[in-house]
Amino acid sequence: MAHRPDTLEHAPLGRESAYPEQYDAGLLYPIPRAANRVPLGIEEGALPFVGEDEWHAFEVSWLNSRGKPIVAVARFRLPAASPNLIESKSWKLYLNSFNQTRFYSREEVMQTLANDLSVAAGAEVSVELFDVDAPELAPQLLPGECLDDLDIAVSDYTPSEAHLTVGEVVVEETLYSHLLKSNCPVTGQPDWGSVLIRYKGPKIDREGLLRYLIGFRQHQDFHEHCVEHIFTDIMTQAKPTQLLVLARYVRRGGLDISPWRATPGLTPPTPLRLARQ
């Protein structure tokens, strides 16, 4: 097991935890973003990007006023400018505390979720609830061109910005890869994902970009910080005038996370979910 960072000293991540039987907002464990941004040269209050962390929760349930179980899928959005992210296992335990709790309406559930998560994040968190067969949850495809068929040799499995080289031609393109993998910073468990990069600027060498993304294969960090790492490296090395980095990580423990970071003015594709999420 990896060394537990100071910001996770009291977190439930990687520890045995009993599942709660009644609603408990105190289960949420916020983690300051600033500590992980310092190594990237990102100063608090001077973010070089805008963005959100989009979460889907596929194991949401509660009791209605008559004790009948209700199930749903939730979508949450945390602003990248929020001072805290929320540790995922604490989030799962918190959601499970709804399982045997009675609520009088769907709106009450949504308001409770929004209030508690906003307090933990330190900024307003939006909440949507979907029926489990809602068409909005149907899997879709990433737009752009896939890098994964490039026939490259790889020997470096830590992220190295040296792989990010550019030419003289200015382009505007969207590229993606399903080969993203990073590891939990505490347990070392693998986090699988896909990453989309949309930019305008000097053309990035595609083989080098793919080698760079594969370099996260043994890297230990939270999903959100991996995306910020990719964003800052590309901005530093390629110097695009516009950049969007979006990762869609595979579901683990009933939760998936899709952080995106962009230069102001760029927005991600319409909310989408990949087949393996």
C-alpha atoms as a PDB file:
ATOM      1  CA  MET A   1       0.000   0.000   0.000  1.00  0.00           C
ATOM      2  CA  ALA A   2       1.232   3.502  -0.822  1.00  0.00           C
ATOM      3  CA  HIS A   3       2.014   6.103   1.806  1.00  0.00           C
ATOM      4  CA  ARG A   4      -1.140   7.816   3.034  1.00  0.00           C
ATOM      5  CA  PRO A   5      -0.910  11.573   2.310  1.00  0.00           C
ATOM      6  CA  ASP A   6      -1.529  13.965   5.190  1.00  0.00           C
ATOM      7  CA  THR A   7      -4.800  15.089   3.587  1.00  0.00           C
ATOM      8  CA  LEU A   8      -6.108  11.520   3.957  1.00  0.00           C
ATOM      9  CA  GLU A   9      -5.035  10.939   7.536  1.00  0.00           C
ATOM     10  CA  HIS A  10      -8.601  10.458   8.786  1.00  0.00           C
ATOM     11  CA  ALA A  11     -10.259   9.356   5.554  1.00  0.00           C
ATOM     12  CA  PRO A  12     -12.099   6.012   5.317  1.00  0.00           C
ATOM     13  CA  LEU A  13     -10.288   5.177   2.082  1.00  0.00           C
ATOM     14  CA  GLY A  14      -8.467   1.876   2.333  1.00  0.00           C
ATOM     15  CA  ARG A  15      -9.969   1.022   5.723  1.00  0.00           C
ATOM     16  CA  GLU A  16     -12.686  -1.347   6.791  1.00  0.00           C
ATOM     17  CA  SER A  17     -15.903   0.591   7.324  1.00  0.00           C
ATOM     18  CA  ALA A  18     -19.341  -0.528   8.454  1.00  0.00           C
ATOM     19  CA  TYR A  19     -22.116   0.550   6.140  1.00  0.00           C
ATOM     20  CA  PRO A  20     -24.397   3.093   7.825  1.00  0.00           C
ATOM     21  CA  GLU A  21     -28.034   2.251   8.454  1.00  0.00           C
ATOM     22  CA  GLN A  22     -29.365   5.798   8.679  1.00  0.00           C
ATOM     23  CA  TYR A  23     -28.684   9.093   6.936  1.00  0.00           C
ATOM     24  CA  ASP A  24     -25.455  10.739   8.101  1.00  0.00           C
ATOM     25  CA  ALA A  25     -24.032  13.825   6.362  1.00  0.00           C
ATOM     26  CA  GLY A  26     -20.984  13.623   8.628  1.00  0.00           C
ATOM     27  CA  LEU A  27     -19.661  10.688   6.601  1.00  0.00           C
ATOM     28  CA  LEU A  28     -18.503  12.975   3.785  1.00  0.00           C
ATOM     29  CA  TYR A  29     -14.730  13.548   3.852  1.00  0.00           C
ATOM     30  CA  PRO A  30     -13.531  16.706   2.058  1.00  0.00           C
ATOM     31  CA  ILE A  31      -9.948  16.943   0.797  1.00  0.00           C
ATOM     32  CA  PRO A  32      -8.369  20.343   0.068  1.00  0.00           C
ATOM     33  CA  ARG A  33      -7.395  20.620  -3.590  1.00  0.00           C
ATOM     34  CA  ALA A  34      -4.587  23.118  -2.962  1.00  0.00           C
ATOM     35  CA  ALA A  35      -2.034  20.622  -1.642  1.00  0.00           C
ATOM     36  CA  ASN A  36      -2.114  18.590  -4.849  1.00  0.00           C
ATOM     37  CA  ARG A  37      -2.017  21.676  -7.066  1.00  0.00           C
ATOM     38  CA  VAL A  38       1.152  23.156  -5.592  1.00  0.00           C
ATOM     39  CA  PRO A  39       3.467  20.634  -7.353  1.00  0.00           C
ATOM     40  CA  LEU A  40       1.825  21.632 -10.665  1.00  0.00           C
ATOM     41  CA  GLY A  41       2.579  25.303 -10.064  1.00  0.00           C
ATOM     42  CA  ILE A  42      -1.098  26.153  -9.629  1.00  0.00           C
ATOM     43  CA  GLU A  43      -1.641  28.872  -7.063  1.00  0.00           C
ATOM     44  CA  GLU A  44      -4.766  29.027  -4.943  1.00  0.00           C
ATOM     45  CA  GLY A  45      -7.105  31.689  -6.267  1.00  0.00           C
ATOM     46  CA  ALA A  46      -5.366  31.830  -9.666  1.00  0.00           C
ATOM     47  CA  LEU A  47      -6.569  28.753 -11.525  1.00  0.00           C
ATOM     48  CA  PRO A  48      -5.388  28.517 -15.157  1.00  0.00           C
ATOM     49  CA  PHE A  49      -8.576  26.691 -16.102  1.00  0.00           C
ATOM     50  CA  VAL A  50     -12.298  26.385 -15.603  1.00  0.00           C
ATOM     51  CA  GLY A  51     -14.017  23.047 -15.179  1.00  0.00           C
ATOM     52  CA  GLU A  52     -16.068  20.596 -13.192  1.00  0.00           C
ATOM     53  CA  ASP A  53     -15.910  17.138 -11.663  1.00  0.00           C
ATOM     54  CA  GLU A  54     -18.921  15.220 -12.936  1.00  0.00           C
ATOM     55  CA  TRP A  55     -19.881  12.187 -10.879  1.00  0.00           C
ATOM     56  CA  HIS A  56     -22.447   9.463 -11.562  1.00  0.00           C
ATOM     57  CA  ALA A  57     -23.740   7.347  -8.690  1.00  0.00           C
ATOM     58  CA  PHE A  58     -25.428   4.135  -9.765  1.00  0.00           C
ATOM     59  CA  GLU A  59     -26.318   2.837  -6.297  1.00  0.00           C
ATOM     60  CA  VAL A  60     -28.717   5.486  -4.990  1.00  0.00           C
ATOM     61  CA  SER A  61     -31.744   4.351  -3.004  1.00  0.00           C
ATOM     62  CA  TRP A  62     -34.025   5.562  -0.228  1.00  0.00           C
ATOM     63  CA  LEU A  63     -37.419   4.790   1.299  1.00  0.00           C
ATOM     64  CA  ASN A  64     -40.501   6.794   0.440  1.00  0.00           C
ATOM     65  CA  SER A  65     -42.912   7.991   3.134  1.00  0.00           C
ATOM     66  CA  ARG A  66     -44.591   4.572   3.189  1.00  0.00           C
ATOM     67  CA  GLY A  67     -41.339   2.634   3.479  1.00  0.00           C
ATOM     68  CA  LYS A  68     -41.166   1.506  -0.148  1.00  0.00           C
ATOM     69  CA  PRO A  69     -37.651   1.513  -1.668  1.00  0.00           C
ATOM     70  CA  ILE A  70     -36.922   3.925  -4.512  1.00  0.00           C
ATOM     71  CA  VAL A  71     -33.860   3.568  -6.756  1.00  0.00           C
ATOM     72  CA  ALA A  72     -32.224   6.122  -9.026  1.00  0.00           C
ATOM     73  CA  VAL A  73     -29.005   7.174 -10.726  1.00  0.00           C
ATOM     74  CA  ALA A  74     -27.555  10.506  -9.635  1.00  0.00           C
ATOM     75  CA  ARG A  75     -25.383  12.976 -11.504  1.00  0.00           C
ATOM     76  CA  PHE A  76     -23.373  15.484  -9.479  1.00  0.00           C
ATOM     77  CA  ARG A  77     -21.250  18.402 -10.646  1.00  0.00           C
ATOM     78  CA  LEU A  78     -18.572  19.990  -8.442  1.00  0.00           C
ATOM     79  CA  PRO A  79     -16.904  23.169  -9.723  1.00  0.00           C
ATOM     80  CA  ALA A  80     -13.146  22.909 -10.173  1.00  0.00           C
ATOM     81  CA  ALA A  81     -12.861  26.180  -8.253  1.00  0.00           C
ATOM     82  CA  SER A  82     -14.314  24.593  -5.104  1.00  0.00           C
ATOM     83  CA  PRO A  83     -11.712  24.481  -2.307  1.00  0.00           C
ATOM     84  CA  ASN A  84     -12.347  20.769  -1.680  1.00  0.00           C
ATOM     85  CA  LEU A  85     -12.937  17.567  -3.554  1.00  0.00           C
ATOM     86  CA  ILE A  86     -14.758  14.747  -1.749  1.00  0.00           C
ATOM     87  CA  GLU A  87     -13.082  11.401  -1.108  1.00  0.00           C
ATOM     88  CA  SER A  88     -14.936   8.689  -3.018  1.00  0.00           C
ATOM     89  CA  LYS A  89     -15.367   6.020  -0.336  1.00  0.00           C
ATOM     90  CA  SER A  90     -16.793   8.550   2.082  1.00  0.00           C
ATOM     91  CA  TRP A  91     -19.176   9.591  -0.694  1.00  0.00           C
ATOM     92  CA  LYS A  92     -20.267   5.975  -1.167  1.00  0.00           C
ATOM     93  CA  LEU A  93     -20.825   5.507   2.569  1.00  0.00           C
ATOM     94  CA  TYR A  94     -22.802   8.733   2.673  1.00  0.00           C
ATOM     95  CA  LEU A  95     -25.052   7.623  -0.204  1.00  0.00           C
ATOM     96  CA  ASN A  96     -25.588   4.266   1.469  1.00  0.00           C
ATOM     97  CA  SER A  97     -26.812   6.074   4.575  1.00  0.00           C
ATOM     98  CA  PHE A  98     -29.918   6.947   2.540  1.00  0.00           C
ATOM     99  CA  ASN A  99     -30.848   3.288   2.020  1.00  0.00           C
ATOM    100  CA  GLN A 100     -33.011   2.886   5.135  1.00  0.00           C
ATOM    101  CA  THR A 101     -33.977   6.535   5.524  1.00  0.00           C
ATOM    102  CA  ARG A 102     -37.467   7.827   4.679  1.00  0.00           C
ATOM    103  CA  PHE A 103     -37.912  10.913   2.509  1.00  0.00           C
ATOM    104  CA  TYR A 104     -41.249  12.452   1.579  1.00  0.00           C
ATOM    105  CA  SER A 105     -40.330  13.321  -1.998  1.00  0.00           C
ATOM    106  CA  ARG A 106     -37.698  13.050  -4.707  1.00  0.00           C
ATOM    107  CA  GLU A 107     -37.182  16.805  -4.367  1.00  0.00           C
ATOM    108  CA  GLU A 108     -36.334  16.377  -0.673  1.00  0.00           C
ATOM    109  CA  VAL A 109     -33.678  13.821  -1.583  1.00  0.00           C
ATOM    110  CA  MET A 110     -32.166  16.125  -4.214  1.00  0.00           C
ATOM    111  CA  GLN A 111     -32.145  19.101  -1.866  1.00  0.00           C
ATOM    112  CA  THR A 112     -30.534  17.063   0.910  1.00  0.00           C
ATOM    113  CA  LEU A 113     -27.821  15.825  -1.448  1.00  0.00           C
ATOM    114  CA  ALA A 114     -27.166  19.297  -2.828  1.00  0.00           C
ATOM    115  CA  ASN A 115     -26.947  20.883   0.619  1.00  0.00           C
ATOM    116  CA  ASP A 116     -24.616  18.278   2.138  1.00  0.00           C
ATOM    117  CA  LEU A 117     -22.287  18.013  -0.846  1.00  0.00           C
ATOM    118  CA  SER A 118     -22.068  21.786  -1.219  1.00  0.00           C
ATOM    119  CA  VAL A 119     -21.022  22.123   2.414  1.00  0.00           C
ATOM    120  CA  ALA A 120     -18.333  19.445   1.985  1.00  0.00           C
ATOM    121  CA  ALA A 121     -17.024  20.878  -1.307  1.00  0.00           C
ATOM    122  CA  GLY A 122     -17.170  24.474  -0.113  1.00  0.00           C
ATOM    123  CA  ALA A 123     -19.092  25.506  -3.242  1.00  0.00           C
ATOM    124  CA  GLU A 124     -22.445  24.852  -4.855  1.00  0.00           C
ATOM    125  CA  VAL A 125     -22.857  21.284  -6.132  1.00  0.00           C
ATOM    126  CA  SER A 126     -25.610  20.535  -8.629  1.00  0.00           C
ATOM    127  CA  VAL A 127     -27.656  17.326  -8.388  1.00  0.00           C
ATOM    128  CA  GLU A 128     -29.807  15.475 -10.924  1.00  0.00           C
ATOM    129  CA  LEU A 129     -31.689  12.231 -10.331  1.00  0.00           C
ATOM    130  CA  PHE A 130     -32.563   9.871 -13.198  1.00  0.00           C
ATOM    131  CA  ASP A 131     -34.694   6.767 -13.434  1.00  0.00           C
ATOM    132  CA  VAL A 132     -32.434   3.760 -13.950  1.00  0.00           C
ATOM    133  CA  ASP A 133     -33.688   3.278 -17.525  1.00  0.00           C
ATOM    134  CA  ALA A 134     -33.559   6.963 -18.488  1.00  0.00           C
ATOM    135  CA  PRO A 135     -32.399   7.531 -22.089  1.00  0.00           C
ATOM    136  CA  GLU A 136     -29.948  10.202 -20.879  1.00  0.00           C
ATOM    137  CA  LEU A 137     -27.845   7.389 -19.389  1.00  0.00           C
ATOM    138  CA  ALA A 138     -27.415   5.464 -22.655  1.00  0.00           C
ATOM    139  CA  PRO A 139     -23.732   4.885 -23.583  1.00  0.00           C
ATOM    140  CA  GLN A 140     -22.272   7.136 -26.281  1.00  0.00           C
ATOM    141  CA  LEU A 141     -18.997   7.552 -28.153  1.00  0.00           C
ATOM    142  CA  LEU A 142     -16.284  10.140 -27.655  1.00  0.00           C
ATOM    143  CA  PRO A 143     -15.989  12.615 -30.540  1.00  0.00           C
ATOM    144  CA  GLY A 144     -12.737  13.087 -32.434  1.00  0.00           C
ATOM    145  CA  GLU A 145      -9.938  10.803 -33.590  1.00  0.00           C
ATOM    146  CA  CYS A 146      -8.686   7.868 -31.531  1.00  0.00           C
ATOM    147  CA  LEU A 147      -4.946   7.535 -30.887  1.00  0.00           C
ATOM    148  CA  ASP A 148      -5.008   3.928 -29.753  1.00  0.00           C
ATOM    149  CA  ASP A 149      -4.177   2.281 -33.095  1.00  0.00           C
ATOM    150  CA  LEU A 150      -0.826   4.048 -33.350  1.00  0.00           C
ATOM    151  CA  ASP A 151       1.915   1.383 -33.497  1.00  0.00           C
ATOM    152  CA  ILE A 152       4.339   2.723 -30.930  1.00  0.00           C
ATOM    153  CA  ALA A 153       6.964   1.252 -28.610  1.00  0.00           C
ATOM    154  CA  VAL A 154       6.555   2.213 -24.954  1.00  0.00           C
ATOM    155  CA  SER A 155       9.062   1.836 -22.128  1.00  0.00           C
ATOM    156  CA  ASP A 156       8.179   4.752 -19.829  1.00  0.00           C
ATOM    157  CA  TYR A 157       5.210   4.360 -17.496  1.00  0.00           C
ATOM    158  CA  THR A 158       5.486   7.589 -15.546  1.00  0.00           C
ATOM    159  CA  PRO A 159       4.178  10.850 -17.064  1.00  0.00           C
ATOM    160  CA  SER A 160       6.951  12.764 -18.830  1.00  0.00           C
ATOM    161  CA  GLU A 161       6.190  16.089 -20.481  1.00  0.00           C
ATOM    162  CA  ALA A 162       9.250  15.508 -22.682  1.00  0.00           C
ATOM    163  CA  HIS A 163       7.003  13.347 -24.891  1.00  0.00           C
ATOM    164  CA  LEU A 164       4.876  16.399 -25.712  1.00  0.00           C
ATOM    165  CA  THR A 165       6.423  17.941 -28.829  1.00  0.00           C
ATOM    166  CA  VAL A 166       4.836  20.182 -31.440  1.00  0.00           C
ATOM    167  CA  GLY A 167       5.314  21.221 -35.052  1.00  0.00           C
ATOM    168  CA  GLU A 168       4.927  24.590 -36.730  1.00  0.00           C
ATOM    169  CA  VAL A 169       1.474  24.048 -38.256  1.00  0.00           C
ATOM    170  CA  VAL A 170      -1.416  25.438 -36.199  1.00  0.00           C
ATOM    171  CA  VAL A 171      -4.411  23.105 -36.011  1.00  0.00           C
ATOM    172  CA  GLU A 172      -7.697  22.709 -34.202  1.00  0.00           C
ATOM    173  CA  GLU A 173      -8.452  19.073 -33.417  1.00  0.00           C
ATOM    174  CA  THR A 174     -10.026  16.631 -30.972  1.00  0.00           C
ATOM    175  CA  LEU A 175      -8.136  13.469 -29.996  1.00  0.00           C
ATOM    176  CA  TYR A 176      -8.898  10.736 -27.504  1.00  0.00           C
ATOM    177  CA  SER A 177      -7.535   7.530 -26.016  1.00  0.00           C
ATOM    178  CA  HIS A 178      -9.004   4.690 -23.975  1.00  0.00           C
ATOM    179  CA  LEU A 179      -5.551   3.725 -22.645  1.00  0.00           C
ATOM    180  CA  LEU A 180      -5.545   5.987 -19.613  1.00  0.00           C
ATOM    181  CA  LYS A 181      -4.787   4.224 -16.349  1.00  0.00           C
ATOM    182  CA  SER A 182      -3.684   5.693 -13.048  1.00  0.00           C
ATOM    183  CA  ASN A 183      -3.640   4.300  -9.523  1.00  0.00           C
ATOM    184  CA  CYS A 184      -5.363   5.233  -6.280  1.00  0.00           C
ATOM    185  CA  PRO A 185      -2.897   7.320  -4.234  1.00  0.00           C
ATOM    186  CA  VAL A 186      -3.499   5.246  -1.096  1.00  0.00           C
ATOM    187  CA  THR A 187      -4.595   1.714  -1.969  1.00  0.00           C
ATOM    188  CA  GLY A 188      -2.756   1.447  -5.278  1.00  0.00           C
ATOM    189  CA  GLN A 189      -5.863   0.016  -6.949  1.00  0.00           C
ATOM    190  CA  PRO A 190      -6.054   0.688 -10.697  1.00  0.00           C
ATOM    191  CA  ASP A 191      -8.298   3.434 -12.052  1.00  0.00           C
ATOM    192  CA  TRP A 192      -9.140   2.876 -15.730  1.00  0.00           C
ATOM    193  CA  GLY A 193     -10.330   5.646 -17.977  1.00  0.00           C
ATOM    194  CA  SER A 194     -10.600   7.388 -21.313  1.00  0.00           C
ATOM    195  CA  VAL A 195      -9.272  10.864 -22.008  1.00  0.00           C
ATOM    196  CA  LEU A 196     -10.294  13.450 -24.602  1.00  0.00           C
ATOM    197  CA  ILE A 197      -8.084  16.373 -25.618  1.00  0.00           C
ATOM    198  CA  ARG A 198      -9.428  19.230 -27.716  1.00  0.00           C
ATOM    199  CA  TYR A 199      -7.044  22.051 -28.562  1.00  0.00           C
ATOM    200  CA  LYS A 200      -6.165  24.857 -30.944  1.00  0.00           C
ATOM    201  CA  GLY A 201      -2.483  25.577 -31.392  1.00  0.00           C
ATOM    202  CA  PRO A 202       0.749  24.092 -32.747  1.00  0.00           C
ATOM    203  CA  LYS A 203       0.092  20.506 -33.851  1.00  0.00           C
ATOM    204  CA  ILE A 204       1.001  18.050 -31.091  1.00  0.00           C
ATOM    205  CA  ASP A 205       2.918  14.956 -32.164  1.00  0.00           C
ATOM    206  CA  ARG A 206       0.352  12.177 -31.796  1.00  0.00           C
ATOM    207  CA  GLU A 207       2.775   9.377 -30.994  1.00  0.00           C
ATOM    208  CA  GLY A 208       4.374  11.491 -28.298  1.00  0.00           C
ATOM    209  CA  LEU A 209       0.968  12.441 -26.894  1.00  0.00           C
ATOM    210  CA  LEU A 210      -0.041   8.787 -26.658  1.00  0.00           C
ATOM    211  CA  ARG A 211       3.232   7.885 -24.944  1.00  0.00           C
ATOM    212  CA  TYR A 212       2.629  10.721 -22.500  1.00  0.00           C
ATOM    213  CA  LEU A 213      -0.883   9.532 -21.646  1.00  0.00           C
ATOM    214  CA  ILE A 214       0.284   5.927 -21.239  1.00  0.00           C
ATOM    215  CA  GLY A 215       2.881   7.335 -18.845  1.00  0.00           C
ATOM    216  CA  PHE A 216       0.175   7.702 -16.181  1.00  0.00           C
ATOM    217  CA  ARG A 217      -0.061   3.904 -15.995  1.00  0.00           C
ATOM    218  CA  GLN A 218       1.925   3.705 -12.746  1.00  0.00           C
ATOM    219  CA  HIS A 219       1.140   7.203 -11.519  1.00  0.00           C
ATOM    220  CA  GLN A 220      -0.681   7.510  -8.197  1.00  0.00           C
ATOM    221  CA  ASP A 221      -3.097  10.398  -7.865  1.00  0.00           C
ATOM    222  CA  PHE A 222      -6.771  11.282  -7.715  1.00  0.00           C
ATOM    223  CA  HIS A 223      -8.713  11.424 -10.979  1.00  0.00           C
ATOM    224  CA  GLU A 224      -9.175  15.188 -10.704  1.00  0.00           C
ATOM    225  CA  HIS A 225      -5.484  15.857 -10.244  1.00  0.00           C
ATOM    226  CA  CYS A 226      -4.489  13.578 -13.120  1.00  0.00           C
ATOM    227  CA  VAL A 227      -6.623  15.733 -15.417  1.00  0.00           C
ATOM    228  CA  GLU A 228      -5.070  18.913 -14.022  1.00  0.00           C
ATOM    229  CA  HIS A 229      -1.616  17.365 -14.474  1.00  0.00           C
ATOM    230  CA  ILE A 230      -2.358  16.630 -18.144  1.00  0.00           C
ATOM    231  CA  PHE A 231      -3.808  20.094 -18.669  1.00  0.00           C
ATOM    232  CA  THR A 232      -0.844  21.955 -17.162  1.00  0.00           C
ATOM    233  CA  ASP A 233       1.752  19.827 -18.994  1.00  0.00           C
ATOM    234  CA  ILE A 234       0.106  20.372 -22.378  1.00  0.00           C
ATOM    235  CA  MET A 235      -0.283  24.107 -21.734  1.00  0.00           C
ATOM    236  CA  THR A 236       3.384  24.371 -20.742  1.00  0.00           C
ATOM    237  CA  GLN A 237       4.858  22.227 -23.514  1.00  0.00           C
ATOM    238  CA  ALA A 238       2.504  22.821 -26.455  1.00  0.00           C
ATOM    239  CA  LYS A 239       1.262  26.331 -25.599  1.00  0.00           C
ATOM    240  CA  PRO A 240      -2.147  26.008 -27.277  1.00  0.00           C
ATOM    241  CA  THR A 241      -4.432  29.035 -27.349  1.00  0.00           C
ATOM    242  CA  GLN A 242      -7.382  26.805 -26.431  1.00  0.00           C
ATOM    243  CA  LEU A 243      -7.373  23.516 -24.537  1.00  0.00           C
ATOM    244  CA  LEU A 244      -9.909  21.104 -23.071  1.00  0.00           C
ATOM    245  CA  VAL A 245      -8.933  17.934 -21.189  1.00  0.00           C
ATOM    246  CA  LEU A 246     -11.750  15.558 -20.212  1.00  0.00           C
ATOM    247  CA  ALA A 247     -11.318  12.157 -18.529  1.00  0.00           C
ATOM    248  CA  ARG A 248     -14.098   9.630 -18.090  1.00  0.00           C
ATOM    249  CA  TYR A 249     -13.038   7.068 -15.518  1.00  0.00           C
ATOM    250  CA  VAL A 250     -14.562   3.611 -15.227  1.00  0.00           C
ATOM    251  CA  ARG A 251     -17.053   3.043 -12.436  1.00  0.00           C
ATOM    252  CA  ARG A 252     -15.702   1.697  -9.153  1.00  0.00           C
ATOM    253  CA  GLY A 253     -17.843   1.067  -6.062  1.00  0.00           C
ATOM    254  CA  GLY A 254     -20.942   2.320  -7.854  1.00  0.00           C
ATOM    255  CA  LEU A 255     -19.349   5.692  -8.671  1.00  0.00           C
ATOM    256  CA  ASP A 256     -17.649   7.049 -11.748  1.00  0.00           C
ATOM    257  CA  ILE A 257     -15.990  10.421 -12.147  1.00  0.00           C
ATOM    258  CA  SER A 258     -15.412  12.542 -15.234  1.00  0.00           C
ATOM    259  CA  PRO A 259     -13.342  15.638 -14.479  1.00  0.00           C
ATOM    260  CA  TRP A 260     -12.753  18.259 -17.170  1.00  0.00           C
ATOM    261  CA  ARG A 261     -10.531  21.318 -17.254  1.00  0.00           C
ATOM    262  CA  ALA A 262     -10.445  23.928 -20.022  1.00  0.00           C
ATOM    263  CA  THR A 263      -9.280  27.366 -20.983  1.00  0.00           C
ATOM    264  CA  PRO A 264     -12.160  29.832 -20.576  1.00  0.00           C
ATOM    265  CA  GLY A 265     -14.639  29.642 -23.436  1.00  0.00           C
ATOM    266  CA  LEU A 266     -14.308  25.915 -24.105  1.00  0.00           C
ATOM    267  CA  THR A 267     -16.909  23.477 -22.810  1.00  0.00           C
ATOM    268  CA  PRO A 268     -17.010  19.674 -22.861  1.00  0.00           C
ATOM    269  CA  PRO A 269     -19.251  17.624 -25.141  1.00  0.00           C
ATOM    270  CA  THR A 270     -22.881  17.227 -24.115  1.00  0.00           C
ATOM    271  CA  PRO A 271     -22.955  15.052 -20.973  1.00  0.00           C
ATOM    272  CA  LEU A 272     -22.179  11.539 -22.090  1.00  0.00           C
ATOM    273  CA  ARG A 273     -21.426   8.176 -20.546  1.00  0.00           C
ATOM    274  CA  LEU A 274     -19.146   5.614 -22.126  1.00  0.00           C
ATOM    275  CA  ALA A 275     -20.039   1.924 -22.403  1.00  0.00           C
ATOM    276  CA  ARG A 276     -17.525   0.851 -19.758  1.00  0.00           C
ATOM    277  CA  GLN A 277     -18.707   3.400 -17.229  1.00  0.00           C
END
